[in-house]
Amino acid sequence: MEWLNSESVGFLVVFLGTLFLIGELLVRAKGLFGILGIAIMACYFSFHLTGDVGLWVVILYVVGLLLIIIDGKVITDGTVALLGVIMMIIGLAIPAPTLVYGILVSMGFLVGGFSSILFLKVFPSRNLWAKMTLKDRLTGELGYNSINEKYLGLVGEEGKTISPFRPTGTVEINGQQYSATSGGQWLEANMEVIVSAVDGTRIVVKKKE
């Protein structure tokens, strides 16, 4: 495996290994991506674990990968995963024979990790970090409704301002008082107004012509 002496080959190997390993975490590929990723990274480490570099860099790399998995399945806030990414980069860069080689394999790791996101367009997702995003739509069919139905029925109703609007105030409509806004208009108390719109629980009134 003398070809791994080449910096560009090292970049490519780490890129592919990371692409498949992270891809295995993101999508359901029946373990194929995991096997490919482990085999490729095993080639990288088996070639570079010589001299003063010990097995501890592999342990560092594996622990970093485990932290990413734990974060995605349990914690889901990304902080532990970031620590795992740093540990994996260190585990890859330390065995590198030169500084340039170490920088290139670190870049290969980052590029491979980001590129693995493309697998989501083809394969079903594992839904890691799903708790960080709200995927359900807050629709009326699901029982959510940001608009007060009572307020919605006020559109077109006439009323009278109880207090000055600068531009918010109190209005009386059909014998009941509501907090409302006049938008960009300033209204005085005891003015005849009409409800022009309802936005959620926000009642918008305007001066009656």
N, C-alpha and C. Protein backbone atom coordinates (compact mmCIF):
# COMPACT_ATOMS: atom_id res chain seq x y z
N MET A 1 0.83 -1.21 0.00
CA MET A 1 0.00 0.00 0.00
C MET A 1 0.87 1.27 0.00
N GLU A 2 1.96 1.22 -0.76
CA GLU A 2 2.84 2.37 -0.81
C GLU A 2 2.16 3.60 -1.41
N TRP A 3 1.11 3.37 -2.15
CA TRP A 3 0.40 4.51 -2.74
C TRP A 3 -0.16 5.44 -1.68
N LEU A 4 -0.29 4.97 -0.43
CA LEU A 4 -0.79 5.83 0.63
C LEU A 4 0.25 6.84 1.10
N ASN A 5 1.47 6.75 0.54
CA ASN A 5 2.47 7.78 0.83
C ASN A 5 2.11 9.10 0.17
N SER A 6 1.31 9.02 -0.87
CA SER A 6 0.92 10.23 -1.60
C SER A 6 -0.11 11.02 -0.80
N GLU A 7 0.11 12.31 -0.71
CA GLU A 7 -0.81 13.17 0.05
C GLU A 7 -2.20 13.21 -0.59
N SER A 8 -2.22 13.25 -1.92
CA SER A 8 -3.52 13.30 -2.62
C SER A 8 -4.29 12.00 -2.44
N VAL A 9 -3.57 10.89 -2.42
CA VAL A 9 -4.22 9.59 -2.19
C VAL A 9 -4.75 9.52 -0.76
N GLY A 10 -3.96 10.04 0.19
CA GLY A 10 -4.43 10.07 1.58
C GLY A 10 -5.71 10.88 1.71
N PHE A 11 -5.75 12.02 1.02
CA PHE A 11 -6.97 12.84 1.02
C PHE A 11 -8.15 12.04 0.49
N LEU A 12 -7.95 11.35 -0.64
CA LEU A 12 -9.03 10.59 -1.27
C LEU A 12 -9.50 9.45 -0.39
N VAL A 13 -8.56 8.76 0.24
CA VAL A 13 -8.92 7.62 1.10
C VAL A 13 -9.75 8.10 2.30
N VAL A 14 -9.30 9.14 2.96
CA VAL A 14 -10.04 9.66 4.11
C VAL A 14 -11.39 10.22 3.67
N PHE A 15 -11.41 10.86 2.53
CA PHE A 15 -12.67 11.38 1.99
C PHE A 15 -13.69 10.26 1.81
N LEU A 16 -13.27 9.18 1.15
CA LEU A 16 -14.19 8.08 0.88
C LEU A 16 -14.59 7.36 2.17
N GLY A 17 -13.60 7.13 3.05
CA GLY A 17 -13.92 6.47 4.31
C GLY A 17 -14.92 7.25 5.13
N THR A 18 -14.71 8.56 5.22
CA THR A 18 -15.64 9.41 5.97
C THR A 18 -17.00 9.49 5.28
N LEU A 19 -16.97 9.59 3.97
CA LEU A 19 -18.22 9.66 3.20
C LEU A 19 -19.13 8.49 3.53
N PHE A 20 -18.57 7.28 3.55
CA PHE A 20 -19.38 6.09 3.80
C PHE A 20 -19.71 5.91 5.28
N LEU A 21 -18.77 6.23 6.17
CA LEU A 21 -19.05 6.08 7.60
C LEU A 21 -20.14 7.03 8.06
N ILE A 22 -20.01 8.30 7.75
CA ILE A 22 -21.04 9.27 8.14
C ILE A 22 -22.33 9.00 7.37
N GLY A 23 -22.17 8.56 6.12
CA GLY A 23 -23.36 8.21 5.34
C GLY A 23 -24.15 7.09 5.99
N GLU A 24 -23.45 6.13 6.59
CA GLU A 24 -24.12 5.03 7.30
C GLU A 24 -24.93 5.55 8.48
N LEU A 25 -24.44 6.62 9.13
CA LEU A 25 -25.16 7.19 10.26
C LEU A 25 -26.39 7.98 9.81
N LEU A 26 -26.33 8.52 8.60
CA LEU A 26 -27.42 9.39 8.12
C LEU A 26 -28.53 8.63 7.42
N VAL A 27 -28.19 7.58 6.68
CA VAL A 27 -29.20 6.89 5.87
C VAL A 27 -29.20 5.39 6.17
N ARG A 28 -30.27 4.76 5.75
CA ARG A 28 -30.41 3.31 5.92
C ARG A 28 -29.87 2.63 4.66
N ALA A 29 -28.65 2.11 4.76
CA ALA A 29 -28.01 1.46 3.60
C ALA A 29 -27.71 -0.01 3.87
N LYS A 30 -28.42 -0.60 4.83
CA LYS A 30 -28.28 -2.01 5.17
C LYS A 30 -26.86 -2.39 5.58
N GLY A 31 -26.14 -1.43 6.16
CA GLY A 31 -24.79 -1.71 6.64
C GLY A 31 -23.71 -1.67 5.59
N LEU A 32 -24.09 -1.51 4.31
CA LEU A 32 -23.09 -1.53 3.24
C LEU A 32 -22.12 -0.36 3.37
N PHE A 33 -22.65 0.83 3.63
CA PHE A 33 -21.79 2.00 3.76
C PHE A 33 -20.85 1.86 4.96
N GLY A 34 -21.36 1.27 6.03
CA GLY A 34 -20.53 1.07 7.21
C GLY A 34 -19.37 0.15 6.94
N ILE A 35 -19.64 -0.94 6.23
CA ILE A 35 -18.58 -1.90 5.90
C ILE A 35 -17.52 -1.25 5.02
N LEU A 36 -17.97 -0.51 4.01
CA LEU A 36 -17.02 0.17 3.11
C LEU A 36 -16.19 1.19 3.88
N GLY A 37 -16.84 1.98 4.73
CA GLY A 37 -16.13 3.00 5.48
C GLY A 37 -15.10 2.41 6.41
N ILE A 38 -15.47 1.35 7.13
CA ILE A 38 -14.53 0.70 8.07
C ILE A 38 -13.35 0.10 7.31
N ALA A 39 -13.62 -0.55 6.17
CA ALA A 39 -12.54 -1.17 5.39
C ALA A 39 -11.56 -0.12 4.88
N ILE A 40 -12.08 0.99 4.39
CA ILE A 40 -11.21 2.04 3.84
C ILE A 40 -10.38 2.68 4.94
N MET A 41 -11.00 2.97 6.08
CA MET A 41 -10.25 3.59 7.18
C MET A 41 -9.27 2.61 7.81
N ALA A 42 -9.59 1.32 7.77
CA ALA A 42 -8.66 0.32 8.29
C ALA A 42 -7.38 0.31 7.45
N CYS A 43 -7.53 0.50 6.14
CA CYS A 43 -6.35 0.59 5.26
C CYS A 43 -5.50 1.79 5.63
N TYR A 44 -6.17 2.91 5.89
CA TYR A 44 -5.43 4.14 6.23
C TYR A 44 -4.64 3.96 7.52
N PHE A 45 -5.28 3.47 8.56
CA PHE A 45 -4.61 3.34 9.85
C PHE A 45 -3.55 2.24 9.85
N SER A 46 -3.84 1.14 9.18
CA SER A 46 -2.86 0.04 9.16
C SER A 46 -1.55 0.46 8.49
N PHE A 47 -1.65 1.37 7.53
CA PHE A 47 -0.45 1.83 6.84
C PHE A 47 0.33 2.85 7.68
N HIS A 48 -0.38 3.69 8.40
CA HIS A 48 0.27 4.80 9.09
C HIS A 48 0.63 4.49 10.55
N LEU A 49 0.13 3.40 11.11
CA LEU A 49 0.46 3.08 12.51
C LEU A 49 1.83 2.42 12.59
N THR A 50 2.84 3.26 12.44
CA THR A 50 4.21 2.77 12.53
C THR A 50 5.02 3.73 13.39
N GLY A 51 6.18 3.27 13.88
CA GLY A 51 7.07 4.13 14.64
C GLY A 51 6.46 4.54 15.96
N ASP A 52 6.46 5.85 16.20
CA ASP A 52 6.01 6.38 17.49
C ASP A 52 4.49 6.45 17.61
N VAL A 53 3.80 6.28 16.51
CA VAL A 53 2.33 6.37 16.54
C VAL A 53 1.75 5.04 17.01
N GLY A 54 0.97 5.10 18.07
CA GLY A 54 0.41 3.88 18.64
C GLY A 54 -1.06 3.69 18.31
N LEU A 55 -1.61 2.64 18.87
CA LEU A 55 -3.00 2.30 18.62
C LEU A 55 -3.96 3.32 19.22
N TRP A 56 -3.44 4.20 20.07
CA TRP A 56 -4.33 5.15 20.75
C TRP A 56 -5.00 6.11 19.79
N VAL A 57 -4.37 6.38 18.61
CA VAL A 57 -5.01 7.28 17.66
C VAL A 57 -6.27 6.63 17.06
N VAL A 58 -6.22 5.31 16.91
CA VAL A 58 -7.40 4.59 16.42
C VAL A 58 -8.51 4.65 17.47
N ILE A 59 -8.12 4.48 18.73
CA ILE A 59 -9.10 4.56 19.82
C ILE A 59 -9.71 5.96 19.86
N LEU A 60 -8.87 6.97 19.68
CA LEU A 60 -9.35 8.35 19.66
C LEU A 60 -10.37 8.55 18.54
N TYR A 61 -10.05 8.00 17.38
CA TYR A 61 -10.94 8.10 16.22
C TYR A 61 -12.27 7.40 16.48
N VAL A 62 -12.21 6.19 17.03
CA VAL A 62 -13.42 5.40 17.29
C VAL A 62 -14.28 6.07 18.36
N VAL A 63 -13.65 6.59 19.42
CA VAL A 63 -14.41 7.28 20.47
C VAL A 63 -15.11 8.50 19.90
N GLY A 64 -14.41 9.24 19.02
CA GLY A 64 -15.04 10.38 18.37
C GLY A 64 -16.27 9.98 17.57
N LEU A 65 -16.17 8.87 16.84
CA LEU A 65 -17.31 8.38 16.07
C LEU A 65 -18.46 7.99 16.99
N LEU A 66 -18.14 7.36 18.12
CA LEU A 66 -19.17 6.97 19.07
C LEU A 66 -19.87 8.20 19.67
N LEU A 67 -19.12 9.26 19.90
CA LEU A 67 -19.72 10.49 20.43
C LEU A 67 -20.72 11.08 19.44
N ILE A 68 -20.39 11.00 18.15
CA ILE A 68 -21.32 11.49 17.13
C ILE A 68 -22.60 10.68 17.15
N ILE A 69 -22.47 9.36 17.28
CA ILE A 69 -23.64 8.48 17.31
C ILE A 69 -24.48 8.76 18.56
N ILE A 70 -23.82 8.91 19.71
CA ILE A 70 -24.55 9.18 20.96
C ILE A 70 -25.30 10.51 20.88
N ASP A 71 -24.63 11.52 20.33
CA ASP A 71 -25.27 12.83 20.19
C ASP A 71 -26.50 12.74 19.29
N GLY A 72 -26.36 12.03 18.17
CA GLY A 72 -27.47 11.93 17.23
C GLY A 72 -28.66 11.17 17.76
N LYS A 73 -28.42 10.18 18.63
CA LYS A 73 -29.51 9.34 19.12
C LYS A 73 -30.06 9.75 20.48
N VAL A 74 -29.24 10.41 21.29
CA VAL A 74 -29.66 10.69 22.67
C VAL A 74 -29.72 12.19 22.96
N ILE A 75 -28.59 12.88 22.75
CA ILE A 75 -28.51 14.28 23.18
C ILE A 75 -29.13 15.22 22.16
N THR A 76 -28.76 15.07 20.92
CA THR A 76 -29.32 15.78 19.76
C THR A 76 -29.17 17.30 19.82
N ASP A 77 -28.12 17.80 20.46
CA ASP A 77 -27.91 19.25 20.40
C ASP A 77 -26.65 19.62 19.65
N GLY A 78 -25.88 18.63 19.20
CA GLY A 78 -24.72 18.88 18.36
C GLY A 78 -23.43 19.15 19.09
N THR A 79 -23.47 19.44 20.39
CA THR A 79 -22.25 19.80 21.11
C THR A 79 -21.31 18.61 21.26
N VAL A 80 -21.84 17.47 21.65
CA VAL A 80 -21.02 16.27 21.81
C VAL A 80 -20.53 15.78 20.44
N ALA A 81 -21.36 15.93 19.43
CA ALA A 81 -20.96 15.53 18.08
C ALA A 81 -19.78 16.37 17.60
N LEU A 82 -19.78 17.66 17.93
CA LEU A 82 -18.66 18.53 17.55
C LEU A 82 -17.36 18.06 18.20
N LEU A 83 -17.44 17.67 19.47
CA LEU A 83 -16.27 17.12 20.16
C LEU A 83 -15.79 15.84 19.46
N GLY A 84 -16.76 15.02 19.06
CA GLY A 84 -16.42 13.79 18.36
C GLY A 84 -15.72 14.07 17.03
N VAL A 85 -16.19 15.06 16.31
CA VAL A 85 -15.56 15.43 15.03
C VAL A 85 -14.12 15.86 15.25
N ILE A 86 -13.88 16.68 16.28
CA ILE A 86 -12.52 17.13 16.58
C ILE A 86 -11.61 15.95 16.91
N MET A 87 -12.12 15.01 17.71
CA MET A 87 -11.32 13.85 18.08
C MET A 87 -10.99 12.99 16.86
N MET A 88 -11.94 12.84 15.95
CA MET A 88 -11.69 12.04 14.75
C MET A 88 -10.65 12.71 13.86
N ILE A 89 -10.72 14.04 13.73
CA ILE A 89 -9.73 14.76 12.92
C ILE A 89 -8.34 14.61 13.51
N ILE A 90 -8.24 14.73 14.83
CA ILE A 90 -6.94 14.57 15.50
C ILE A 90 -6.41 13.15 15.27
N GLY A 91 -7.30 12.17 15.40
CA GLY A 91 -6.89 10.78 15.20
C GLY A 91 -6.39 10.51 13.79
N LEU A 92 -6.91 11.26 12.82
CA LEU A 92 -6.47 11.09 11.43
C LEU A 92 -5.18 11.86 11.14
N ALA A 93 -5.06 13.05 11.72
CA ALA A 93 -3.95 13.94 11.37
C ALA A 93 -2.64 13.53 12.04
N ILE A 94 -2.71 13.03 13.27
CA ILE A 94 -1.47 12.71 14.00
C ILE A 94 -0.62 11.65 13.29
N PRO A 95 -1.20 10.58 12.73
CA PRO A 95 -0.35 9.58 12.06
C PRO A 95 0.21 10.06 10.73
N ALA A 96 -0.26 11.20 10.22
CA ALA A 96 0.21 11.69 8.92
C ALA A 96 1.71 11.95 8.96
N PRO A 97 2.43 11.58 7.91
CA PRO A 97 3.89 11.73 7.91
C PRO A 97 4.37 13.17 7.82
N THR A 98 3.56 14.06 7.22
CA THR A 98 3.95 15.47 7.09
C THR A 98 2.79 16.36 7.48
N LEU A 99 3.11 17.64 7.70
CA LEU A 99 2.08 18.61 8.06
C LEU A 99 1.07 18.77 6.93
N VAL A 100 1.56 18.85 5.71
CA VAL A 100 0.66 19.01 4.56
C VAL A 100 -0.26 17.80 4.45
N TYR A 101 0.30 16.62 4.65
CA TYR A 101 -0.50 15.38 4.61
C TYR A 101 -1.60 15.46 5.67
N GLY A 102 -1.24 15.90 6.88
CA GLY A 102 -2.22 16.00 7.96
C GLY A 102 -3.33 16.99 7.64
N ILE A 103 -2.96 18.12 7.04
CA ILE A 103 -3.97 19.12 6.66
C ILE A 103 -4.91 18.57 5.60
N LEU A 104 -4.33 17.85 4.63
CA LEU A 104 -5.15 17.31 3.55
C LEU A 104 -6.12 16.23 4.03
N VAL A 105 -5.66 15.36 4.94
CA VAL A 105 -6.58 14.32 5.42
C VAL A 105 -7.66 14.94 6.31
N SER A 106 -7.32 16.02 7.01
CA SER A 106 -8.34 16.72 7.81
C SER A 106 -9.40 17.32 6.89
N MET A 107 -8.93 17.91 5.78
CA MET A 107 -9.87 18.46 4.79
C MET A 107 -10.69 17.34 4.15
N GLY A 108 -10.05 16.20 3.90
CA GLY A 108 -10.78 15.07 3.34
C GLY A 108 -11.89 14.60 4.25
N PHE A 109 -11.61 14.62 5.56
CA PHE A 109 -12.64 14.24 6.54
C PHE A 109 -13.82 15.21 6.48
N LEU A 110 -13.53 16.50 6.49
CA LEU A 110 -14.61 17.50 6.49
C LEU A 110 -15.42 17.45 5.19
N VAL A 111 -14.72 17.37 4.07
CA VAL A 111 -15.42 17.32 2.78
C VAL A 111 -16.25 16.05 2.67
N GLY A 112 -15.70 14.93 3.12
CA GLY A 112 -16.44 13.67 3.08
C GLY A 112 -17.67 13.70 3.97
N GLY A 113 -17.52 14.32 5.16
CA GLY A 113 -18.66 14.42 6.07
C GLY A 113 -19.79 15.24 5.49
N PHE A 114 -19.45 16.39 4.91
CA PHE A 114 -20.49 17.23 4.31
C PHE A 114 -21.08 16.59 3.06
N SER A 115 -20.25 15.90 2.29
CA SER A 115 -20.74 15.26 1.07
C SER A 115 -21.70 14.12 1.36
N SER A 116 -21.55 13.49 2.53
CA SER A 116 -22.44 12.37 2.87
C SER A 116 -23.90 12.81 2.99
N ILE A 117 -24.12 14.11 3.18
CA ILE A 117 -25.49 14.61 3.26
C ILE A 117 -26.24 14.35 1.96
N LEU A 118 -25.50 14.26 0.85
CA LEU A 118 -26.14 14.02 -0.45
C LEU A 118 -26.83 12.67 -0.50
N PHE A 119 -26.41 11.72 0.34
CA PHE A 119 -27.06 10.41 0.38
C PHE A 119 -28.53 10.53 0.80
N LEU A 120 -28.85 11.60 1.53
CA LEU A 120 -30.23 11.78 1.99
C LEU A 120 -31.20 11.99 0.83
N LYS A 121 -30.67 12.40 -0.32
CA LYS A 121 -31.53 12.60 -1.49
C LYS A 121 -31.88 11.29 -2.19
N VAL A 122 -31.15 10.22 -1.83
CA VAL A 122 -31.34 8.94 -2.51
C VAL A 122 -31.86 7.85 -1.58
N PHE A 123 -31.34 7.82 -0.34
CA PHE A 123 -31.67 6.74 0.58
C PHE A 123 -32.56 7.26 1.72
N PRO A 124 -33.33 6.38 2.34
CA PRO A 124 -34.17 6.80 3.48
C PRO A 124 -33.33 7.22 4.68
N SER A 125 -33.75 8.25 5.37
CA SER A 125 -32.97 8.81 6.47
C SER A 125 -33.13 7.99 7.74
N ARG A 126 -32.09 8.02 8.59
CA ARG A 126 -32.15 7.41 9.92
C ARG A 126 -32.73 8.37 10.95
N ASN A 127 -32.95 9.61 10.57
CA ASN A 127 -33.55 10.63 11.45
C ASN A 127 -32.71 10.95 12.67
N LEU A 128 -31.37 10.93 12.52
CA LEU A 128 -30.53 11.41 13.61
C LEU A 128 -30.73 12.90 13.77
N TRP A 129 -30.67 13.37 14.98
CA TRP A 129 -30.90 14.77 15.31
C TRP A 129 -32.29 15.25 14.90
N ALA A 130 -33.26 14.32 14.78
CA ALA A 130 -34.61 14.70 14.38
C ALA A 130 -35.28 15.59 15.41
N LYS A 131 -34.87 15.46 16.69
CA LYS A 131 -35.49 16.26 17.73
C LYS A 131 -35.11 17.73 17.64
N MET A 132 -34.05 18.03 16.88
CA MET A 132 -33.62 19.42 16.76
C MET A 132 -34.50 20.22 15.82
N THR A 133 -35.29 19.55 14.99
CA THR A 133 -36.14 20.24 14.04
C THR A 133 -37.58 19.82 14.24
N LEU A 134 -38.51 20.72 14.05
CA LEU A 134 -39.93 20.43 14.17
C LEU A 134 -40.46 20.15 12.78
N LYS A 135 -40.74 18.88 12.51
CA LYS A 135 -41.15 18.50 11.17
C LYS A 135 -42.66 18.53 10.99
N ASP A 136 -43.43 18.45 12.08
CA ASP A 136 -44.87 18.45 11.96
C ASP A 136 -45.38 19.83 11.62
N ARG A 137 -46.28 19.92 10.71
CA ARG A 137 -46.90 21.19 10.38
C ARG A 137 -48.03 21.46 11.36
N LEU A 138 -48.09 22.67 11.86
CA LEU A 138 -49.13 23.02 12.83
C LEU A 138 -50.39 23.41 12.09
N THR A 139 -51.12 22.40 11.64
CA THR A 139 -52.31 22.64 10.84
C THR A 139 -53.56 22.43 11.67
N GLY A 140 -54.67 22.95 11.16
CA GLY A 140 -55.93 22.78 11.84
C GLY A 140 -56.36 21.34 11.92
N GLU A 141 -55.97 20.52 10.88
CA GLU A 141 -56.33 19.11 10.89
C GLU A 141 -55.69 18.37 12.05
N LEU A 142 -54.52 18.86 12.52
CA LEU A 142 -53.82 18.21 13.63
C LEU A 142 -54.20 18.82 14.97
N GLY A 143 -55.15 19.74 14.95
CA GLY A 143 -55.59 20.33 16.21
C GLY A 143 -54.94 21.64 16.55
N TYR A 144 -54.09 22.15 15.65
CA TYR A 144 -53.44 23.42 15.90
C TYR A 144 -54.18 24.53 15.17
N ASN A 145 -54.32 25.66 15.83
CA ASN A 145 -54.95 26.80 15.18
C ASN A 145 -54.50 28.06 15.88
N SER A 146 -53.72 28.88 15.18
CA SER A 146 -53.19 30.10 15.78
C SER A 146 -54.22 31.22 15.76
N ILE A 147 -55.32 31.06 15.05
CA ILE A 147 -56.33 32.10 14.95
C ILE A 147 -57.49 31.78 15.88
N ASN A 148 -57.80 32.68 16.78
CA ASN A 148 -58.95 32.54 17.65
C ASN A 148 -60.22 32.65 16.80
N GLU A 149 -61.03 31.58 16.80
CA GLU A 149 -62.22 31.57 15.95
C GLU A 149 -63.17 32.72 16.28
N LYS A 150 -63.21 33.06 17.56
CA LYS A 150 -64.07 34.17 17.97
C LYS A 150 -63.58 35.47 17.37
N TYR A 151 -62.27 35.66 17.37
CA TYR A 151 -61.70 36.87 16.78
C TYR A 151 -61.91 36.90 15.28
N LEU A 152 -61.79 35.74 14.63
CA LEU A 152 -61.96 35.67 13.19
C LEU A 152 -63.34 36.15 12.76
N GLY A 153 -64.33 35.91 13.61
CA GLY A 153 -65.69 36.35 13.29
C GLY A 153 -65.92 37.84 13.45
N LEU A 154 -64.91 38.54 13.96
CA LEU A 154 -65.05 39.99 14.15
C LEU A 154 -64.75 40.79 12.90
N VAL A 155 -64.16 40.17 11.90
CA VAL A 155 -63.80 40.90 10.68
C VAL A 155 -65.07 41.50 10.06
N GLY A 156 -65.02 42.80 9.84
CA GLY A 156 -66.16 43.51 9.27
C GLY A 156 -67.09 44.11 10.30
N GLU A 157 -66.91 43.74 11.59
CA GLU A 157 -67.76 44.28 12.65
C GLU A 157 -67.35 45.72 12.98
N GLU A 158 -68.35 46.50 13.40
CA GLU A 158 -68.11 47.89 13.77
C GLU A 158 -68.02 48.01 15.28
N GLY A 159 -67.26 48.98 15.74
CA GLY A 159 -67.11 49.19 17.17
C GLY A 159 -66.69 50.61 17.48
N LYS A 160 -66.25 50.83 18.73
CA LYS A 160 -65.86 52.17 19.18
C LYS A 160 -64.61 52.05 20.03
N THR A 161 -63.69 52.98 19.81
CA THR A 161 -62.46 52.97 20.60
C THR A 161 -62.75 53.42 22.03
N ILE A 162 -62.22 52.68 22.99
CA ILE A 162 -62.39 53.04 24.40
C ILE A 162 -61.24 53.94 24.84
N SER A 163 -60.08 53.69 24.27
CA SER A 163 -58.89 54.46 24.62
C SER A 163 -58.22 54.95 23.34
N PRO A 164 -57.33 55.92 23.43
CA PRO A 164 -56.58 56.35 22.24
C PRO A 164 -55.71 55.21 21.72
N PHE A 165 -55.52 55.16 20.43
CA PHE A 165 -54.67 54.15 19.79
C PHE A 165 -53.36 54.81 19.35
N ARG A 166 -52.20 54.33 19.91
CA ARG A 166 -50.91 54.93 19.58
C ARG A 166 -49.84 53.87 19.23
N PRO A 167 -50.04 52.89 18.38
CA PRO A 167 -51.26 52.62 17.62
C PRO A 167 -52.07 51.48 18.21
N THR A 168 -51.83 51.09 19.47
CA THR A 168 -52.62 50.03 20.10
C THR A 168 -53.52 50.63 21.16
N GLY A 169 -54.60 49.94 21.45
CA GLY A 169 -55.53 50.42 22.46
C GLY A 169 -56.65 49.43 22.68
N THR A 170 -57.72 49.91 23.27
CA THR A 170 -58.87 49.05 23.58
C THR A 170 -60.07 49.49 22.77
N VAL A 171 -60.76 48.52 22.22
CA VAL A 171 -61.93 48.80 21.40
C VAL A 171 -63.11 48.01 21.93
N GLU A 172 -64.30 48.55 21.80
CA GLU A 172 -65.52 47.85 22.21
C GLU A 172 -66.28 47.45 20.96
N ILE A 173 -66.56 46.14 20.87
CA ILE A 173 -67.29 45.61 19.72
C ILE A 173 -68.40 44.71 20.24
N ASN A 174 -69.62 45.02 19.85
CA ASN A 174 -70.78 44.23 20.27
C ASN A 174 -70.85 44.08 21.79
N GLY A 175 -70.49 45.16 22.49
CA GLY A 175 -70.61 45.16 23.94
C GLY A 175 -69.44 44.54 24.67
N GLN A 176 -68.42 44.05 23.95
CA GLN A 176 -67.25 43.45 24.59
C GLN A 176 -66.00 44.24 24.22
N GLN A 177 -65.05 44.27 25.14
CA GLN A 177 -63.83 45.02 24.94
C GLN A 177 -62.69 44.09 24.50
N TYR A 178 -61.90 44.57 23.56
CA TYR A 178 -60.77 43.81 23.03
C TYR A 178 -59.55 44.71 22.91
N SER A 179 -58.38 44.12 23.05
CA SER A 179 -57.15 44.82 22.71
C SER A 179 -56.98 44.75 21.20
N ALA A 180 -56.60 45.86 20.60
CA ALA A 180 -56.50 45.90 19.14
C ALA A 180 -55.40 46.87 18.74
N THR A 181 -55.13 46.90 17.46
CA THR A 181 -54.16 47.84 16.91
C THR A 181 -54.75 48.51 15.68
N SER A 182 -54.33 49.73 15.45
CA SER A 182 -54.81 50.47 14.28
C SER A 182 -53.76 50.53 13.19
N GLY A 183 -52.72 49.71 13.31
CA GLY A 183 -51.66 49.72 12.30
C GLY A 183 -50.86 51.00 12.39
N GLY A 184 -50.82 51.74 11.30
CA GLY A 184 -50.07 52.99 11.30
C GLY A 184 -50.90 54.20 11.67
N GLN A 185 -52.20 54.02 11.96
CA GLN A 185 -53.07 55.16 12.28
C GLN A 185 -53.10 55.42 13.78
N TRP A 186 -53.20 56.69 14.13
CA TRP A 186 -53.42 57.09 15.52
C TRP A 186 -54.88 57.49 15.64
N LEU A 187 -55.59 56.86 16.56
CA LEU A 187 -57.01 57.11 16.74
C LEU A 187 -57.27 57.67 18.12
N GLU A 188 -58.28 58.51 18.23
CA GLU A 188 -58.68 59.06 19.52
C GLU A 188 -59.75 58.17 20.14
N ALA A 189 -60.03 58.38 21.41
CA ALA A 189 -61.09 57.63 22.09
C ALA A 189 -62.46 58.03 21.54
N ASN A 190 -63.42 57.11 21.63
CA ASN A 190 -64.80 57.32 21.21
C ASN A 190 -64.94 57.55 19.71
N MET A 191 -64.05 56.95 18.94
CA MET A 191 -64.15 57.03 17.48
C MET A 191 -64.80 55.75 16.95
N GLU A 192 -65.60 55.89 15.91
CA GLU A 192 -66.21 54.74 15.27
C GLU A 192 -65.17 54.04 14.39
N VAL A 193 -65.02 52.74 14.61
CA VAL A 193 -64.03 51.97 13.85
C VAL A 193 -64.67 50.70 13.30
N ILE A 194 -63.94 50.05 12.41
CA ILE A 194 -64.38 48.77 11.84
C ILE A 194 -63.19 47.82 11.84
N VAL A 195 -63.45 46.56 12.12
CA VAL A 195 -62.39 45.55 12.13
C VAL A 195 -62.03 45.20 10.69
N SER A 196 -60.79 45.50 10.32
CA SER A 196 -60.36 45.26 8.93
C SER A 196 -59.70 43.91 8.74
N ALA A 197 -59.08 43.38 9.81
CA ALA A 197 -58.39 42.10 9.68
C ALA A 197 -58.14 41.50 11.05
N VAL A 198 -57.91 40.19 11.07
CA VAL A 198 -57.50 39.48 12.27
C VAL A 198 -56.30 38.62 11.90
N ASP A 199 -55.19 38.83 12.61
CA ASP A 199 -53.96 38.07 12.36
C ASP A 199 -53.61 37.31 13.63
N GLY A 200 -53.97 36.03 13.68
CA GLY A 200 -53.80 35.26 14.90
C GLY A 200 -54.75 35.78 15.97
N THR A 201 -54.21 36.30 17.06
CA THR A 201 -55.04 36.91 18.11
C THR A 201 -54.92 38.43 18.06
N ARG A 202 -54.43 38.95 16.97
CA ARG A 202 -54.23 40.39 16.79
C ARG A 202 -55.37 40.96 15.96
N ILE A 203 -56.11 41.87 16.57
CA ILE A 203 -57.24 42.50 15.90
C ILE A 203 -56.78 43.84 15.32
N VAL A 204 -57.04 44.04 14.06
CA VAL A 204 -56.65 45.27 13.38
C VAL A 204 -57.92 46.07 13.05
N VAL A 205 -57.96 47.33 13.48
CA VAL A 205 -59.12 48.17 13.23
C VAL A 205 -58.70 49.40 12.44
N LYS A 206 -59.67 50.02 11.80
CA LYS A 206 -59.41 51.27 11.10
C LYS A 206 -60.61 52.18 11.29
N LYS A 207 -60.37 53.45 11.08
CA LYS A 207 -61.43 54.45 11.27
C LYS A 207 -62.55 54.21 10.27
N LYS A 208 -63.78 54.24 10.77
CA LYS A 208 -64.94 54.04 9.90
C LYS A 208 -65.14 55.28 9.05
N GLU A 209 -65.25 55.06 7.75
CA GLU A 209 -65.44 56.19 6.83
C GLU A 209 -66.86 56.73 6.94
